[in-house]
């Protein structure tokens, strides 16, 4: 399952605390990427923040992975998790009488 993870900066996140945990977070995120859990990573353009595209069996599994991230554990950020699936309305464009290939 593909899941979008959008970070939320927590009230206790000071620049000093973020800097203190930043390299641990980068290291952990790279390991998640190499494990094929994090498929894509982005910095937001509208505000400071991160968006991750995850691959996990379920939202619950993704939550378990996110909760192990150093800045999440330090209470500096959290993530909203949004599950994605096939764009079902495309089926309306198909000829229902044509067999699937």
N, C-alpha and C. Protein backbone atom coordinates (compact mmCIF):
# COMPACT_ATOMS: atom_id res chain seq x y z
N UNK A 1 0.85 -1.18 0.00
CA UNK A 1 0.00 0.00 0.00
C UNK A 1 0.90 1.24 0.00
N UNK A 2 0.54 2.18 -0.84
CA UNK A 2 1.26 3.45 -0.89
C UNK A 2 0.62 4.41 0.11
N UNK A 3 1.47 5.07 0.91
CA UNK A 3 0.99 5.97 1.95
C UNK A 3 1.79 7.27 1.89
N UNK A 4 1.08 8.38 1.88
CA UNK A 4 1.73 9.70 1.94
C UNK A 4 1.84 10.07 3.42
N UNK A 5 3.04 10.49 3.83
CA UNK A 5 3.29 10.91 5.21
C UNK A 5 3.69 12.39 5.18
N UNK A 6 2.88 13.23 5.79
CA UNK A 6 3.12 14.68 5.82
C UNK A 6 3.44 15.08 7.25
N UNK A 7 4.61 15.70 7.43
CA UNK A 7 5.02 16.01 8.79
C UNK A 7 4.24 17.15 9.41
N UNK A 8 4.18 17.11 10.74
CA UNK A 8 3.58 18.19 11.53
C UNK A 8 4.60 18.53 12.61
N UNK A 9 5.08 19.75 12.60
CA UNK A 9 6.04 20.19 13.60
C UNK A 9 5.30 20.37 14.92
N UNK A 10 5.86 19.83 15.98
CA UNK A 10 5.25 19.89 17.31
C UNK A 10 5.68 21.17 18.04
N UNK A 11 4.90 21.63 18.99
CA UNK A 11 5.18 22.90 19.68
C UNK A 11 6.55 22.94 20.37
N UNK A 12 7.07 21.80 20.82
CA UNK A 12 8.37 21.78 21.51
C UNK A 12 9.57 21.76 20.56
N UNK A 13 9.33 21.81 19.28
CA UNK A 13 10.43 21.70 18.31
C UNK A 13 11.13 23.04 18.15
N UNK A 14 12.23 23.20 18.86
CA UNK A 14 13.05 24.41 18.71
C UNK A 14 14.13 24.14 17.68
N UNK A 15 14.68 25.17 17.06
CA UNK A 15 15.77 24.96 16.10
C UNK A 15 16.93 24.17 16.71
N UNK A 16 17.23 24.40 17.97
CA UNK A 16 18.32 23.69 18.63
C UNK A 16 18.03 22.19 18.75
N UNK A 17 16.80 21.86 19.14
CA UNK A 17 16.42 20.45 19.29
C UNK A 17 16.38 19.75 17.93
N UNK A 18 15.91 20.45 16.92
CA UNK A 18 15.88 19.87 15.57
C UNK A 18 17.30 19.61 15.10
N UNK A 19 18.18 20.59 15.26
CA UNK A 19 19.58 20.43 14.83
C UNK A 19 20.24 19.27 15.56
N UNK A 20 19.94 19.11 16.84
CA UNK A 20 20.50 18.04 17.67
C UNK A 20 20.10 16.66 17.14
N UNK A 21 18.92 16.53 16.57
CA UNK A 21 18.40 15.24 16.11
C UNK A 21 18.45 15.05 14.60
N UNK A 22 18.85 16.07 13.87
CA UNK A 22 18.73 16.05 12.41
C UNK A 22 19.51 14.91 11.76
N UNK A 23 20.78 14.73 12.12
CA UNK A 23 21.58 13.69 11.45
C UNK A 23 21.07 12.29 11.79
N UNK A 24 20.56 12.09 13.00
CA UNK A 24 19.95 10.79 13.34
C UNK A 24 18.73 10.54 12.45
N UNK A 25 17.96 11.60 12.22
CA UNK A 25 16.76 11.49 11.38
C UNK A 25 17.14 11.17 9.94
N UNK A 26 18.15 11.85 9.42
CA UNK A 26 18.61 11.60 8.05
C UNK A 26 19.09 10.16 7.93
N UNK A 27 19.90 9.71 8.88
CA UNK A 27 20.43 8.35 8.86
C UNK A 27 19.30 7.33 8.86
N UNK A 28 18.32 7.53 9.72
CA UNK A 28 17.18 6.61 9.82
C UNK A 28 16.36 6.61 8.53
N UNK A 29 16.15 7.78 7.96
CA UNK A 29 15.36 7.90 6.73
C UNK A 29 16.07 7.21 5.56
N UNK A 30 17.39 7.36 5.47
CA UNK A 30 18.14 6.68 4.41
C UNK A 30 18.02 5.17 4.58
N UNK A 31 18.09 4.68 5.81
CA UNK A 31 17.92 3.24 6.03
C UNK A 31 16.53 2.78 5.61
N UNK A 32 15.51 3.60 5.88
CA UNK A 32 14.15 3.26 5.45
C UNK A 32 14.06 3.26 3.91
N UNK A 33 14.77 4.18 3.28
CA UNK A 33 14.80 4.22 1.81
C UNK A 33 15.46 2.95 1.26
N UNK A 34 16.60 2.58 1.83
CA UNK A 34 17.31 1.40 1.35
C UNK A 34 16.54 0.12 1.63
N UNK A 35 15.66 0.14 2.62
CA UNK A 35 14.80 -1.01 2.92
C UNK A 35 13.53 -1.00 2.06
N UNK A 36 13.43 -0.06 1.15
CA UNK A 36 12.30 0.07 0.21
C UNK A 36 11.00 0.40 0.93
N UNK A 37 11.10 1.08 2.06
CA UNK A 37 9.92 1.55 2.79
C UNK A 37 9.61 2.97 2.36
N UNK A 38 10.62 3.83 2.38
CA UNK A 38 10.47 5.19 1.87
C UNK A 38 10.78 5.12 0.38
N UNK A 39 9.78 5.42 -0.45
CA UNK A 39 9.97 5.36 -1.90
C UNK A 39 10.36 6.71 -2.48
N UNK A 40 9.85 7.79 -1.86
CA UNK A 40 10.16 9.14 -2.33
C UNK A 40 10.22 10.06 -1.12
N UNK A 41 11.04 11.12 -1.23
CA UNK A 41 11.17 12.12 -0.17
C UNK A 41 11.14 13.50 -0.80
N UNK A 42 10.44 14.41 -0.15
CA UNK A 42 10.33 15.78 -0.66
C UNK A 42 10.40 16.77 0.48
N UNK A 43 10.93 17.97 0.17
CA UNK A 43 10.79 19.12 1.05
C UNK A 43 9.61 19.91 0.53
N UNK A 44 8.80 20.40 1.45
CA UNK A 44 7.65 21.21 1.06
C UNK A 44 8.14 22.56 0.56
N UNK A 45 7.42 23.12 -0.39
CA UNK A 45 7.75 24.43 -0.94
C UNK A 45 6.93 25.55 -0.30
N UNK A 46 5.83 25.19 0.38
CA UNK A 46 4.96 26.20 0.97
C UNK A 46 5.32 26.52 2.42
N UNK A 47 6.07 25.64 3.07
CA UNK A 47 6.52 25.84 4.45
C UNK A 47 7.64 24.85 4.71
N UNK A 48 8.31 25.02 5.83
CA UNK A 48 9.34 24.06 6.20
C UNK A 48 8.67 22.73 6.51
N UNK A 49 9.18 21.67 5.94
CA UNK A 49 8.58 20.37 6.23
C UNK A 49 8.94 19.32 5.22
N UNK A 50 8.54 18.10 5.54
CA UNK A 50 8.88 16.93 4.75
C UNK A 50 7.63 16.16 4.37
N UNK A 51 7.64 15.61 3.17
CA UNK A 51 6.60 14.69 2.72
C UNK A 51 7.32 13.42 2.27
N UNK A 52 6.88 12.29 2.81
CA UNK A 52 7.44 11.00 2.43
C UNK A 52 6.36 10.18 1.72
N UNK A 53 6.77 9.41 0.74
CA UNK A 53 5.88 8.43 0.13
C UNK A 53 6.40 7.07 0.61
N UNK A 54 5.55 6.39 1.37
CA UNK A 54 5.93 5.11 1.97
C UNK A 54 5.26 3.95 1.25
N UNK A 55 5.88 2.79 1.38
CA UNK A 55 5.27 1.54 0.94
C UNK A 55 5.20 0.64 2.16
N UNK A 56 3.98 0.28 2.57
CA UNK A 56 3.79 -0.55 3.75
C UNK A 56 2.52 -1.38 3.56
N UNK A 57 2.41 -2.51 4.26
CA UNK A 57 1.21 -3.35 4.12
C UNK A 57 -0.07 -2.66 4.57
N UNK A 58 0.04 -1.74 5.54
CA UNK A 58 -1.16 -1.07 6.06
C UNK A 58 -0.76 0.27 6.67
N UNK A 59 -1.75 1.08 6.97
CA UNK A 59 -1.50 2.36 7.66
C UNK A 59 -0.92 2.07 9.05
N UNK A 60 -1.40 1.03 9.69
CA UNK A 60 -0.90 0.68 11.02
C UNK A 60 0.58 0.32 10.97
N UNK A 61 0.98 -0.43 9.94
CA UNK A 61 2.40 -0.77 9.78
C UNK A 61 3.22 0.49 9.51
N UNK A 62 2.68 1.38 8.68
CA UNK A 62 3.38 2.64 8.39
C UNK A 62 3.53 3.46 9.67
N UNK A 63 2.48 3.49 10.50
CA UNK A 63 2.55 4.23 11.77
C UNK A 63 3.66 3.67 12.65
N UNK A 64 3.77 2.35 12.70
CA UNK A 64 4.83 1.72 13.49
C UNK A 64 6.22 2.12 13.01
N UNK A 65 6.39 2.23 11.70
CA UNK A 65 7.67 2.65 11.14
C UNK A 65 7.95 4.13 11.42
N UNK A 66 6.94 4.95 11.23
CA UNK A 66 7.09 6.40 11.48
C UNK A 66 7.41 6.65 12.95
N UNK A 67 6.78 5.91 13.84
CA UNK A 67 6.98 6.12 15.27
C UNK A 67 8.40 5.79 15.73
N UNK A 68 9.17 5.09 14.91
CA UNK A 68 10.57 4.77 15.23
C UNK A 68 11.54 5.85 14.77
N UNK A 69 11.05 6.84 14.04
CA UNK A 69 11.93 7.89 13.55
C UNK A 69 12.41 8.75 14.73
N UNK A 70 13.69 9.11 14.76
CA UNK A 70 14.25 9.83 15.90
C UNK A 70 13.53 11.13 16.27
N UNK A 71 13.14 11.93 15.29
CA UNK A 71 12.49 13.19 15.64
C UNK A 71 11.06 12.97 16.10
N UNK A 72 10.43 11.89 15.66
CA UNK A 72 9.11 11.54 16.18
C UNK A 72 9.27 11.08 17.63
N UNK A 73 10.24 10.22 17.87
CA UNK A 73 10.48 9.74 19.23
C UNK A 73 10.84 10.88 20.18
N UNK A 74 11.53 11.90 19.68
CA UNK A 74 11.91 13.05 20.51
C UNK A 74 10.75 14.02 20.69
N UNK A 75 9.61 13.76 20.03
CA UNK A 75 8.44 14.63 20.17
C UNK A 75 8.55 15.94 19.41
N UNK A 76 9.42 15.98 18.39
CA UNK A 76 9.63 17.20 17.62
C UNK A 76 8.71 17.29 16.41
N UNK A 77 8.40 16.15 15.82
CA UNK A 77 7.47 16.10 14.69
C UNK A 77 6.57 14.88 14.84
N UNK A 78 5.50 14.89 14.09
CA UNK A 78 4.65 13.73 13.91
C UNK A 78 4.25 13.74 12.44
N UNK A 79 3.54 12.76 11.99
CA UNK A 79 3.14 12.68 10.59
C UNK A 79 1.66 12.35 10.48
N UNK A 80 1.00 13.02 9.55
CA UNK A 80 -0.33 12.58 9.11
C UNK A 80 -0.09 11.53 8.05
N UNK A 81 -0.79 10.41 8.12
CA UNK A 81 -0.64 9.33 7.15
C UNK A 81 -1.91 9.23 6.32
N UNK A 82 -1.70 9.25 5.01
CA UNK A 82 -2.82 9.22 4.07
C UNK A 82 -2.65 8.03 3.14
N UNK A 83 -3.52 7.00 3.25
CA UNK A 83 -3.41 5.85 2.35
C UNK A 83 -3.91 6.19 0.95
N UNK A 84 -3.22 5.65 -0.04
CA UNK A 84 -3.60 5.87 -1.44
C UNK A 84 -3.94 4.54 -2.09
N UNK A 85 -4.79 4.61 -3.10
CA UNK A 85 -5.16 3.42 -3.85
C UNK A 85 -5.39 3.78 -5.31
N UNK A 86 -5.79 2.81 -6.09
CA UNK A 86 -6.03 3.05 -7.51
C UNK A 86 -7.09 4.13 -7.72
N UNK A 87 -6.97 4.84 -8.81
CA UNK A 87 -7.92 5.90 -9.16
C UNK A 87 -9.14 5.23 -9.79
N UNK A 88 -10.06 4.80 -8.95
CA UNK A 88 -11.22 4.01 -9.36
C UNK A 88 -12.07 4.69 -10.43
N UNK A 89 -12.26 6.01 -10.42
CA UNK A 89 -13.10 6.61 -11.47
C UNK A 89 -12.62 6.36 -12.89
N UNK A 90 -11.37 5.95 -13.07
CA UNK A 90 -10.91 5.61 -14.42
C UNK A 90 -11.71 4.46 -15.02
N UNK A 91 -12.27 3.61 -14.19
CA UNK A 91 -13.06 2.48 -14.67
C UNK A 91 -14.25 2.96 -15.50
N UNK A 92 -14.72 4.17 -15.24
CA UNK A 92 -15.85 4.70 -16.02
C UNK A 92 -15.49 4.90 -17.49
N UNK A 93 -14.22 5.00 -17.79
CA UNK A 93 -13.77 5.20 -19.17
C UNK A 93 -13.66 3.90 -19.95
N UNK A 94 -13.72 2.79 -19.26
CA UNK A 94 -13.53 1.50 -19.91
C UNK A 94 -14.81 1.02 -20.58
N UNK A 95 -14.62 0.32 -21.67
CA UNK A 95 -15.72 -0.35 -22.34
C UNK A 95 -15.97 -1.65 -21.58
N UNK A 96 -17.07 -1.72 -20.86
CA UNK A 96 -17.33 -2.87 -19.99
C UNK A 96 -17.46 -4.18 -20.77
N UNK A 97 -17.70 -4.09 -22.06
CA UNK A 97 -17.87 -5.30 -22.84
C UNK A 97 -16.55 -5.84 -23.35
N UNK A 98 -15.51 -5.03 -23.34
CA UNK A 98 -14.20 -5.48 -23.82
C UNK A 98 -13.52 -6.29 -22.74
N UNK A 99 -12.97 -7.47 -23.06
CA UNK A 99 -12.28 -8.29 -22.05
C UNK A 99 -10.98 -7.61 -21.62
N UNK A 100 -10.63 -7.79 -20.34
CA UNK A 100 -9.36 -7.26 -19.81
C UNK A 100 -8.22 -8.03 -20.41
N UNK A 101 -7.13 -7.34 -20.68
CA UNK A 101 -5.95 -8.02 -21.25
C UNK A 101 -4.92 -8.26 -20.22
